[in-house]
Amino acid sequence: MLSLCLGLLNIPNIAGAYSVSCTHNGGHSDQSDKGTDQSIQGEIIDQLCQHSISLAKRFNGSSPRVALLHKERWQQLPYCPATPDIHFSAMAQNGKVPLLISCPESNGTVPEQRWKQRLAVSVDFDVSVLLADRDINRGEALSRPGLSGLKKSKVRFSSMKPNVFQDNLSGYITTRKISAGSVITTDMVKRANAIRRGQHISIVVQSRNIELTTTGVAMESGHVGDIILVQKENGRPVKCRVINEGEVRPVKGERRS
């Protein structure tokens, strides 16, 4: 059983619980009455918490709260002598997560005891997103929060827009005007080429504690972090990683992205 602390809103009967809080504080749900419907639903809640905590981690959230939708259907789950199987949908729209619960075949089950139920839960937690701190014009270069008119803010996962940005936007430019207070989404920005093909660029070489800079010509366009081919002054092409606008650093033993 998972080591999760489940707050059941002081409702002693798990079957009657409508909402639970999932945390990492240790402990486990009360599973002393094995083989009962309450025990089965407690096991289901433990698995729901594991899934919800993993979901929250993907969005840098914590302590998710799980609400069991259609409470009466949860209360009417049939008895299962084995541990129920739960299959979660990869989709979570407006915080709602569909799932399929089934009583699997095992040594203790007979055909009449096998069943499947489609249910759903809602999962919610705070999510950190990037917000426009001012009106941002089309074509503006963006950077870390605190610069370029961006700041971090908290929204609820259940009300979060799809395709939001949570990290810095260094190397991106806006594709349209963004009003102050708007949450930044992928359709509002695009990656800007830090280097264009044919452009004269600086090649930065680190040698011990000395940094040397030579020049070359980009044979390809690239964003920050990309590996491109650069023609050095002596005419020899070399693989380089784009580290800034107009700057690259030679790389060894890396595949091109």
Protein backbone atom coordinates (compact mmCIF):
# COMPACT_ATOMS: atom_id res chain seq x y z
CA MET A 1 0.00 0.00 0.00
CA LEU A 2 1.27 3.47 -0.83
CA SER A 3 2.77 5.65 1.85
CA LEU A 4 0.35 8.54 1.44
CA CYS A 5 -1.45 10.54 4.05
CA LEU A 6 -5.10 10.83 3.07
CA GLY A 7 -7.27 13.46 4.71
CA LEU A 8 -10.83 12.14 4.50
CA LEU A 9 -12.62 15.24 5.78
CA ASN A 10 -13.20 13.44 9.11
CA ILE A 11 -15.61 11.03 7.44
CA PRO A 12 -14.93 7.58 8.94
CA ASN A 13 -16.52 5.61 6.10
CA ILE A 14 -14.37 5.81 2.96
CA ALA A 15 -17.37 4.86 0.83
CA GLY A 16 -19.07 8.08 1.94
CA ALA A 17 -16.05 10.34 1.39
CA TYR A 18 -16.51 12.85 -1.40
CA SER A 19 -13.15 14.61 -1.33
CA VAL A 20 -9.63 13.65 -0.23
CA SER A 21 -6.31 15.49 0.10
CA CYS A 22 -3.15 13.73 -1.05
CA THR A 23 0.18 14.67 0.53
CA HIS A 24 3.70 13.30 0.99
CA ASN A 25 3.65 13.40 4.80
CA GLY A 26 3.86 9.63 5.22
CA GLY A 27 1.31 7.33 6.79
CA HIS A 28 -1.34 5.44 4.89
CA SER A 29 -5.07 5.12 4.59
CA ASP A 30 -6.92 2.93 7.09
CA GLN A 31 -7.00 -0.50 5.48
CA SER A 32 -7.56 -2.60 8.64
CA ASP A 33 -10.85 -4.07 7.45
CA LYS A 34 -9.56 -6.03 4.44
CA GLY A 35 -12.01 -7.70 2.14
CA THR A 36 -14.79 -5.17 2.63
CA ASP A 37 -16.17 -2.64 0.16
CA GLN A 38 -14.66 0.10 2.33
CA SER A 39 -11.23 -1.50 2.01
CA ILE A 40 -11.56 -1.76 -1.77
CA GLN A 41 -12.52 1.87 -2.10
CA GLY A 42 -9.65 2.83 0.19
CA GLU A 43 -7.23 1.03 -2.13
CA ILE A 44 -8.74 2.88 -5.09
CA ILE A 45 -8.29 6.21 -3.30
CA ASP A 46 -4.64 5.38 -2.60
CA GLN A 47 -4.06 4.76 -6.31
CA LEU A 48 -5.91 7.96 -7.19
CA CYS A 49 -3.59 9.88 -4.88
CA GLN A 50 -0.51 8.35 -6.45
CA HIS A 51 -1.73 9.35 -9.91
CA SER A 52 -2.74 12.84 -8.75
CA ILE A 53 0.60 13.51 -7.06
CA SER A 54 2.41 12.45 -10.25
CA LEU A 55 0.14 14.75 -12.27
CA ALA A 56 0.84 17.66 -9.93
CA LYS A 57 4.60 17.08 -10.20
CA ARG A 58 4.39 17.43 -13.99
CA PHE A 59 3.12 20.99 -13.45
CA ASN A 60 5.35 21.78 -10.45
CA GLY A 61 2.33 21.61 -8.17
CA SER A 62 1.87 19.89 -4.83
CA SER A 63 -0.74 18.54 -2.40
CA PRO A 64 -3.50 17.87 -4.94
CA ARG A 65 -7.09 17.53 -3.83
CA VAL A 66 -9.17 14.74 -5.39
CA ALA A 67 -12.95 14.94 -5.59
CA LEU A 68 -14.89 11.79 -6.45
CA LEU A 69 -17.48 12.69 -9.06
CA HIS A 70 -20.91 11.01 -8.95
CA LYS A 71 -20.57 10.00 -5.30
CA GLU A 72 -23.43 7.50 -5.43
CA ARG A 73 -21.66 5.45 -8.11
CA TRP A 74 -18.54 5.21 -5.95
CA GLN A 75 -20.67 4.04 -3.01
CA GLN A 76 -22.25 1.32 -5.15
CA LEU A 77 -19.03 -0.29 -6.37
CA PRO A 78 -19.47 -4.09 -6.15
CA TYR A 79 -17.36 -6.28 -3.89
CA CYS A 80 -14.02 -7.47 -5.31
CA PRO A 81 -11.90 -10.12 -3.53
CA ALA A 82 -8.80 -8.97 -5.46
CA THR A 83 -7.09 -5.58 -5.67
CA PRO A 84 -9.02 -3.52 -8.27
CA ASP A 85 -7.23 -2.39 -11.42
CA ILE A 86 -7.37 1.31 -12.31
CA HIS A 87 -6.60 2.68 -15.77
CA PHE A 88 -6.38 6.46 -15.97
CA SER A 89 -7.04 8.47 -19.10
CA ALA A 90 -4.11 10.56 -20.29
CA MET A 91 -6.53 13.44 -20.82
CA ALA A 92 -7.44 15.80 -17.98
CA GLN A 93 -9.84 18.48 -19.19
CA ASN A 94 -10.76 21.18 -16.67
CA GLY A 95 -9.21 19.01 -13.99
CA LYS A 96 -11.53 16.06 -14.72
CA VAL A 97 -9.74 12.70 -15.10
CA PRO A 98 -11.75 9.74 -16.55
CA LEU A 99 -10.80 6.29 -15.33
CA LEU A 100 -11.77 2.64 -15.73
CA ILE A 101 -11.97 0.48 -12.59
CA SER A 102 -12.19 -3.29 -12.93
CA CYS A 103 -12.22 -6.32 -10.67
CA PRO A 104 -9.61 -8.59 -12.29
CA GLU A 105 -9.46 -12.34 -12.57
CA SER A 106 -7.58 -13.94 -9.68
CA ASN A 107 -7.52 -17.09 -7.57
CA GLY A 108 -10.25 -15.70 -5.34
CA THR A 109 -12.66 -14.46 -8.00
CA VAL A 110 -15.41 -16.23 -9.87
CA PRO A 111 -16.84 -14.98 -13.19
CA GLU A 112 -19.82 -13.39 -11.43
CA GLN A 113 -17.49 -11.21 -9.35
CA ARG A 114 -15.61 -9.67 -12.27
CA TRP A 115 -16.82 -6.23 -13.23
CA LYS A 116 -15.83 -2.92 -14.85
CA GLN A 117 -16.96 0.58 -13.99
CA ARG A 118 -16.22 3.86 -15.78
CA LEU A 119 -15.97 6.73 -13.30
CA ALA A 120 -14.25 10.09 -13.01
CA VAL A 121 -12.50 12.27 -10.48
CA SER A 122 -11.57 15.93 -10.45
CA VAL A 123 -8.02 16.85 -9.49
CA ASP A 124 -7.00 20.36 -8.46
CA PHE A 125 -3.86 22.11 -7.26
CA ASP A 126 -2.02 25.39 -7.74
CA VAL A 127 0.02 25.75 -10.93
CA SER A 128 2.71 28.35 -11.58
CA VAL A 129 2.32 30.07 -14.97
CA LEU A 130 3.82 33.04 -16.80
CA LEU A 131 1.72 36.18 -17.00
CA ALA A 132 2.07 39.38 -19.03
CA ASP A 133 2.95 42.14 -16.56
CA ARG A 134 2.18 44.82 -19.15
CA ASP A 135 0.93 45.13 -22.71
CA ILE A 136 3.48 43.37 -24.94
CA ASN A 137 3.69 44.26 -28.63
CA ARG A 138 3.95 41.79 -31.47
CA GLY A 139 7.53 40.83 -32.31
CA GLU A 140 8.97 41.63 -28.87
CA ALA A 141 11.74 39.38 -27.58
CA LEU A 142 10.93 37.64 -24.29
CA SER A 143 13.15 36.49 -21.46
CA ARG A 144 13.00 35.42 -17.79
CA PRO A 145 10.19 36.54 -15.43
CA GLY A 146 10.92 40.03 -14.17
CA LEU A 147 12.27 41.00 -17.58
CA SER A 148 10.46 41.70 -20.86
CA GLY A 149 7.14 42.29 -19.10
CA LEU A 150 6.67 38.79 -17.67
CA LYS A 151 5.93 37.63 -14.13
CA LYS A 152 5.01 34.35 -12.43
CA SER A 153 1.54 33.78 -11.04
CA LYS A 154 -0.59 30.97 -9.61
CA VAL A 155 -3.72 29.54 -11.23
CA ARG A 156 -5.81 26.49 -10.41
CA PHE A 157 -5.12 23.40 -12.52
CA SER A 158 -8.85 22.99 -13.19
CA SER A 159 -9.03 26.44 -14.81
CA MET A 160 -5.63 26.39 -16.52
CA LYS A 161 -5.55 27.01 -20.26
CA PRO A 162 -4.00 24.30 -22.43
CA ASN A 163 -0.43 24.76 -23.65
CA VAL A 164 0.62 27.32 -21.05
CA PHE A 165 4.25 28.28 -20.46
CA GLN A 166 5.70 27.63 -17.01
CA ASP A 167 9.40 28.19 -17.69
CA ASN A 168 11.36 31.17 -18.97
CA LEU A 169 10.80 32.30 -22.53
CA SER A 170 14.35 33.21 -23.42
CA GLY A 171 14.78 32.90 -27.19
CA TYR A 172 11.08 33.47 -27.97
CA ILE A 173 9.28 36.41 -29.57
CA THR A 174 5.58 37.28 -29.53
CA THR A 175 3.43 36.52 -32.58
CA ARG A 176 0.71 39.00 -31.61
CA LYS A 177 -0.05 41.75 -29.12
CA ILE A 178 -0.56 40.39 -25.60
CA SER A 179 -2.63 42.35 -23.08
CA ALA A 180 -1.46 42.85 -19.52
CA GLY A 181 -2.71 40.08 -17.24
CA SER A 182 -2.90 37.44 -19.99
CA VAL A 183 -1.50 33.96 -19.30
CA ILE A 184 1.20 33.19 -21.90
CA THR A 185 0.32 30.23 -24.14
CA THR A 186 2.16 28.58 -27.03
CA ASP A 187 0.00 30.23 -29.69
CA MET A 188 1.16 33.67 -28.53
CA VAL A 189 4.89 33.12 -29.11
CA LYS A 190 7.40 31.43 -31.39
CA ARG A 191 11.07 30.61 -31.12
CA ALA A 192 13.28 33.23 -32.71
CA ASN A 193 16.37 32.22 -34.63
CA ALA A 194 19.40 33.36 -32.66
CA ILE A 195 21.53 32.74 -35.75
CA ARG A 196 20.63 32.93 -39.44
CA ARG A 197 22.27 30.98 -42.24
CA GLY A 198 25.08 33.00 -43.85
CA GLN A 199 25.43 35.24 -40.80
CA HIS A 200 28.91 36.17 -39.52
CA ILE A 201 29.08 34.96 -35.93
CA SER A 202 31.43 34.65 -32.94
CA ILE A 203 32.87 31.25 -32.02
CA VAL A 204 33.63 31.15 -28.31
CA VAL A 205 36.30 28.62 -27.27
CA GLN A 206 36.94 27.83 -23.61
CA SER A 207 40.50 26.67 -22.85
CA ARG A 208 41.14 26.16 -19.16
CA ASN A 209 40.60 29.59 -17.60
CA ILE A 210 40.97 31.43 -20.89
CA GLU A 211 38.10 32.24 -23.25
CA LEU A 212 39.04 32.81 -26.88
CA THR A 213 36.80 34.20 -29.58
CA THR A 214 37.14 33.68 -33.30
CA THR A 215 34.76 34.34 -36.14
CA GLY A 216 32.97 32.21 -38.67
CA VAL A 217 29.94 31.96 -40.94
CA ALA A 218 26.80 30.02 -39.99
CA MET A 219 26.02 27.28 -42.51
CA GLU A 220 22.57 26.81 -40.92
CA SER A 221 20.03 28.80 -38.93
CA GLY A 222 19.46 27.84 -35.30
CA HIS A 223 17.81 28.63 -31.98
CA VAL A 224 19.59 28.84 -28.63
CA GLY A 225 20.56 25.28 -27.68
CA ASP A 226 20.61 23.95 -31.26
CA ILE A 227 23.72 22.37 -32.77
CA ILE A 228 24.58 23.78 -36.20
CA LEU A 229 27.47 23.66 -38.68
CA VAL A 230 29.72 26.71 -38.74
CA GLN A 231 32.46 27.47 -41.27
CA LYS A 232 35.56 28.76 -39.50
CA GLU A 233 37.92 31.37 -40.89
CA ASN A 234 40.19 28.63 -42.23
CA GLY A 235 37.28 27.18 -44.18
CA ARG A 236 36.85 24.06 -42.05
CA PRO A 237 33.25 23.30 -40.93
CA VAL A 238 32.76 22.53 -37.23
CA LYS A 239 29.75 21.53 -35.10
CA CYS A 240 28.77 24.26 -32.65
CA ARG A 241 26.05 24.80 -30.09
CA VAL A 242 24.16 28.11 -30.24
CA ILE A 243 24.67 29.80 -26.85
CA ASN A 244 23.37 33.30 -27.55
CA GLU A 245 22.34 35.61 -30.34
CA GLY A 246 25.23 35.56 -32.79
CA GLU A 247 27.38 33.32 -30.58
CA VAL A 248 28.24 29.62 -30.70
CA ARG A 249 30.53 27.23 -28.85
CA PRO A 250 32.26 24.22 -30.49
CA VAL A 251 31.00 20.83 -29.29
CA LYS A 252 32.54 17.37 -29.38
CA GLY A 253 30.85 13.98 -29.38
CA GLU A 254 27.28 15.36 -29.54
CA ARG A 255 24.63 14.59 -32.08
CA ARG A 256 23.00 17.43 -33.88
CA SER A 257 19.46 18.24 -32.66
